[in-house]
Structures are given as structure tokens and as C-alpha cells.
Amino acid sequence: MKKGIVLLASCIFTLNALAQNINHDNKSYRSKKQSEKYCAILKDGKIIMMHDSTALTSDTTLENGAIVKTNGTVIRLNDTQTLLKNGECVDHNGDLMPVIGKMAEQDSEIKNK
């Protein structure tokens, strides 16, 4: 009887440890993907592209083949081009990300007029 209880307790602890490792790996993968964004910033009157707080020095090809140019242009595989404005970002697939803070600023400016 004692062996059965010890065996059951060790199985529970082992499964608990495995479950924590799986969740930890999943979170790091998710946070890595979320941090892979390219944002347009207005600096000295010119748009420059930033990635992880560093300015892009050359054009970058994304996972899906889209190209992010240093001047803020995103060229997709179907040859559509999008010129990003100050504060706009694209994710690792070249999809435009919502800019919540900037939208809130624009809403308050419209209300104040």
C-alpha cells in the first residue's frame, strides 16, 4: 500500500513538472513571435524602420516572402505596396498591426476640434 501511494505521488509530481515545461516553452515561442514586428518611426523628417529597438540598415525579407524596406515600404508577394506612416507596425508576416495608442490620440484630437 505504501509503495502505491509513493508511486502515485511521484507520478503526479512528474506530470506537474512536465506540464510546467510545456507551458514555459509555449510562452517563450509566443513572446518571440509577438516581438517580431517592424515599426515605422519618424526621425529627422524621414521614416525609418525599427526592429527590436534598432534601425534597419538593409531591406528585410519576412517569413512569408514579403519585403520590408528601410524607407517604410512593405512589398507583399502579390506586388502590393504599403507605405507605413509614423507609428504603424507590421508583424513577422507583413500584416499591418493595430496602433491602439495612436488611434486614441487621433480620436481625442477629433473630439477637441
C-alpha atoms as a PDB file:
ATOM      1  CA  MET A   1       0.000   0.000   0.000  1.00  0.00           C
ATOM      2  CA  LYS A   2       2.815   2.418   0.863  1.00  0.00           C
ATOM      3  CA  LYS A   3       4.535   1.686  -2.455  1.00  0.00           C
ATOM      4  CA  GLY A   4       1.342   2.500  -4.345  1.00  0.00           C
ATOM      5  CA  ILE A   5       0.943   5.855  -2.621  1.00  0.00           C
ATOM      6  CA  VAL A   6       4.606   6.754  -3.231  1.00  0.00           C
ATOM      7  CA  LEU A   7       4.282   5.715  -6.876  1.00  0.00           C
ATOM      8  CA  LEU A   8       1.097   7.775  -7.321  1.00  0.00           C
ATOM      9  CA  ALA A   9       2.659  10.828  -5.661  1.00  0.00           C
ATOM     10  CA  SER A  10       5.784  10.604  -7.823  1.00  0.00           C
ATOM     11  CA  CYS A  11       3.651  10.318 -10.977  1.00  0.00           C
ATOM     12  CA  ILE A  12       1.688  13.434 -10.008  1.00  0.00           C
ATOM     13  CA  PHE A  13       4.871  15.420  -9.369  1.00  0.00           C
ATOM     14  CA  THR A  14       6.403  14.242 -12.639  1.00  0.00           C
ATOM     15  CA  LEU A  15       3.317  15.174 -14.672  1.00  0.00           C
ATOM     16  CA  ASN A  16       3.159  18.557 -12.943  1.00  0.00           C
ATOM     17  CA  ALA A  17       6.809  19.266 -13.826  1.00  0.00           C
ATOM     18  CA  LEU A  18       6.240  18.246 -17.463  1.00  0.00           C
ATOM     19  CA  ALA A  19       3.164  20.453 -17.747  1.00  0.00           C
ATOM     20  CA  GLN A  20       5.092  23.479 -16.456  1.00  0.00           C
ATOM     21  CA  ASN A  21       7.871  22.944 -19.005  1.00  0.00           C
ATOM     22  CA  ILE A  22       5.378  22.697 -21.861  1.00  0.00           C
ATOM     23  CA  ASN A  23       3.685  25.971 -20.848  1.00  0.00           C
ATOM     24  CA  HIS A  24       7.013  27.722 -20.408  1.00  0.00           C
ATOM     25  CA  ASP A  25       8.175  26.715 -23.892  1.00  0.00           C
ATOM     26  CA  ASN A  26       4.870  27.812 -25.387  1.00  0.00           C
ATOM     27  CA  LYS A  27       5.089  31.252 -23.743  1.00  0.00           C
ATOM     28  CA  SER A  28       8.609  31.894 -24.983  1.00  0.00           C
ATOM     29  CA  TYR A  29       7.586  30.921 -28.522  1.00  0.00           C
ATOM     30  CA  ARG A  30       4.569  33.201 -28.361  1.00  0.00           C
ATOM     31  CA  SER A  31       6.521  36.158 -26.954  1.00  0.00           C
ATOM     32  CA  LYS A  32       9.222  35.706 -29.616  1.00  0.00           C
ATOM     33  CA  LYS A  33       6.613  35.822 -32.380  1.00  0.00           C
ATOM     34  CA  GLN A  34       4.938  38.850 -30.821  1.00  0.00           C
ATOM     35  CA  SER A  35       8.232  40.710 -30.597  1.00  0.00           C
ATOM     36  CA  GLU A  36       8.906  40.171 -34.298  1.00  0.00           C
ATOM     37  CA  LYS A  37       7.408  43.398 -35.513  1.00  0.00           C
ATOM     38  CA  TYR A  38       8.733  46.159 -37.699  1.00  0.00           C
ATOM     39  CA  CYS A  39       7.625  49.704 -36.926  1.00  0.00           C
ATOM     40  CA  ALA A  40       7.906  52.948 -38.870  1.00  0.00           C
ATOM     41  CA  ILE A  41       9.289  55.865 -36.873  1.00  0.00           C
ATOM     42  CA  LEU A  42       9.602  59.489 -37.979  1.00  0.00           C
ATOM     43  CA  LYS A  43      13.157  60.643 -37.297  1.00  0.00           C
ATOM     44  CA  ASP A  44      14.695  63.885 -38.613  1.00  0.00           C
ATOM     45  CA  GLY A  45      11.781  64.278 -41.014  1.00  0.00           C
ATOM     46  CA  LYS A  46      12.260  60.815 -42.567  1.00  0.00           C
ATOM     47  CA  ILE A  47      10.531  57.499 -41.951  1.00  0.00           C
ATOM     48  CA  ILE A  48      12.894  54.771 -40.759  1.00  0.00           C
ATOM     49  CA  MET A  49      12.053  51.177 -39.908  1.00  0.00           C
ATOM     50  CA  MET A  50      12.785  49.822 -36.444  1.00  0.00           C
ATOM     51  CA  HIS A  51      13.022  46.197 -35.304  1.00  0.00           C
ATOM     52  CA  ASP A  52      13.660  45.363 -31.628  1.00  0.00           C
ATOM     53  CA  SER A  53      14.675  48.996 -30.929  1.00  0.00           C
ATOM     54  CA  THR A  54      17.285  49.063 -33.706  1.00  0.00           C
ATOM     55  CA  ALA A  55      17.009  50.777 -37.067  1.00  0.00           C
ATOM     56  CA  LEU A  56      17.022  48.557 -40.144  1.00  0.00           C
ATOM     57  CA  THR A  57      20.110  49.150 -42.258  1.00  0.00           C
ATOM     58  CA  SER A  58      19.004  46.972 -45.172  1.00  0.00           C
ATOM     59  CA  ASP A  59      15.794  45.579 -46.644  1.00  0.00           C
ATOM     60  CA  THR A  60      14.447  42.538 -44.785  1.00  0.00           C
ATOM     61  CA  THR A  61      12.559  39.548 -46.171  1.00  0.00           C
ATOM     62  CA  LEU A  62       9.866  38.202 -43.834  1.00  0.00           C
ATOM     63  CA  GLU A  63       8.759  34.607 -43.281  1.00  0.00           C
ATOM     64  CA  ASN A  64       6.097  34.732 -45.998  1.00  0.00           C
ATOM     65  CA  GLY A  65       8.374  36.410 -48.545  1.00  0.00           C
ATOM     66  CA  ALA A  66       7.156  39.978 -48.027  1.00  0.00           C
ATOM     67  CA  ILE A  67       9.892  42.607 -48.037  1.00  0.00           C
ATOM     68  CA  VAL A  68      10.236  45.424 -45.509  1.00  0.00           C
ATOM     69  CA  LYS A  69      12.286  48.271 -46.931  1.00  0.00           C
ATOM     70  CA  THR A  70      14.224  50.737 -44.811  1.00  0.00           C
ATOM     71  CA  ASN A  71      12.036  53.637 -46.022  1.00  0.00           C
ATOM     72  CA  GLY A  72       8.855  52.091 -44.542  1.00  0.00           C
ATOM     73  CA  THR A  73       7.542  50.372 -47.659  1.00  0.00           C
ATOM     74  CA  VAL A  74       6.179  46.833 -47.318  1.00  0.00           C
ATOM     75  CA  ILE A  75       6.057  44.836 -50.560  1.00  0.00           C
ATOM     76  CA  ARG A  76       3.917  41.707 -50.443  1.00  0.00           C
ATOM     77  CA  LEU A  77       4.138  38.671 -52.716  1.00  0.00           C
ATOM     78  CA  ASN A  78       1.211  39.876 -54.831  1.00  0.00           C
ATOM     79  CA  ASP A  79       3.258  43.059 -55.555  1.00  0.00           C
ATOM     80  CA  THR A  80       1.010  45.325 -53.489  1.00  0.00           C
ATOM     81  CA  GLN A  81       2.965  48.017 -51.717  1.00  0.00           C
ATOM     82  CA  THR A  82       2.082  49.744 -48.475  1.00  0.00           C
ATOM     83  CA  LEU A  83       3.900  52.808 -47.189  1.00  0.00           C
ATOM     84  CA  LEU A  84       3.754  52.816 -43.411  1.00  0.00           C
ATOM     85  CA  LYS A  85       3.061  56.040 -41.529  1.00  0.00           C
ATOM     86  CA  ASN A  86       4.696  57.139 -38.292  1.00  0.00           C
ATOM     87  CA  GLY A  87       3.891  54.631 -35.535  1.00  0.00           C
ATOM     88  CA  GLU A  88       2.457  51.914 -37.799  1.00  0.00           C
ATOM     89  CA  CYS A  89       3.865  48.393 -37.478  1.00  0.00           C
ATOM     90  CA  VAL A  90       3.770  45.121 -39.385  1.00  0.00           C
ATOM     91  CA  ASP A  91       4.169  41.664 -37.873  1.00  0.00           C
ATOM     92  CA  HIS A  92       6.501  38.860 -38.966  1.00  0.00           C
ATOM     93  CA  ASN A  93       4.106  38.043 -41.856  1.00  0.00           C
ATOM     94  CA  GLY A  94       3.874  41.609 -43.149  1.00  0.00           C
ATOM     95  CA  ASP A  95       0.334  42.147 -41.837  1.00  0.00           C
ATOM     96  CA  LEU A  96      -0.465  45.622 -40.529  1.00  0.00           C
ATOM     97  CA  MET A  97      -0.847  45.662 -36.745  1.00  0.00           C
ATOM     98  CA  PRO A  98      -3.415  47.878 -34.997  1.00  0.00           C
ATOM     99  CA  VAL A  99      -1.950  51.015 -33.428  1.00  0.00           C
ATOM    100  CA  ILE A 100      -4.061  51.461 -30.300  1.00  0.00           C
ATOM    101  CA  GLY A 101      -2.188  54.391 -28.748  1.00  0.00           C
ATOM    102  CA  LYS A 102      -2.092  56.406 -31.960  1.00  0.00           C
ATOM    103  CA  MET A 103      -5.777  55.768 -32.641  1.00  0.00           C
ATOM    104  CA  ALA A 104      -6.634  57.051 -29.178  1.00  0.00           C
ATOM    105  CA  GLU A 105      -4.600  60.232 -29.840  1.00  0.00           C
ATOM    106  CA  GLN A 106      -6.404  60.820 -33.157  1.00  0.00           C
ATOM    107  CA  ASP A 107      -9.803  60.301 -31.511  1.00  0.00           C
ATOM    108  CA  SER A 108      -9.008  62.870 -28.807  1.00  0.00           C
ATOM    109  CA  GLU A 109      -7.796  65.385 -31.447  1.00  0.00           C
ATOM    110  CA  ILE A 110     -11.035  64.973 -33.410  1.00  0.00           C
ATOM    111  CA  LYS A 111     -13.123  65.487 -30.249  1.00  0.00           C
ATOM    112  CA  ASN A 112     -11.180  68.638 -29.326  1.00  0.00           C
ATOM    113  CA  LYS A 113     -11.832  70.291 -32.744  1.00  0.00           C
END
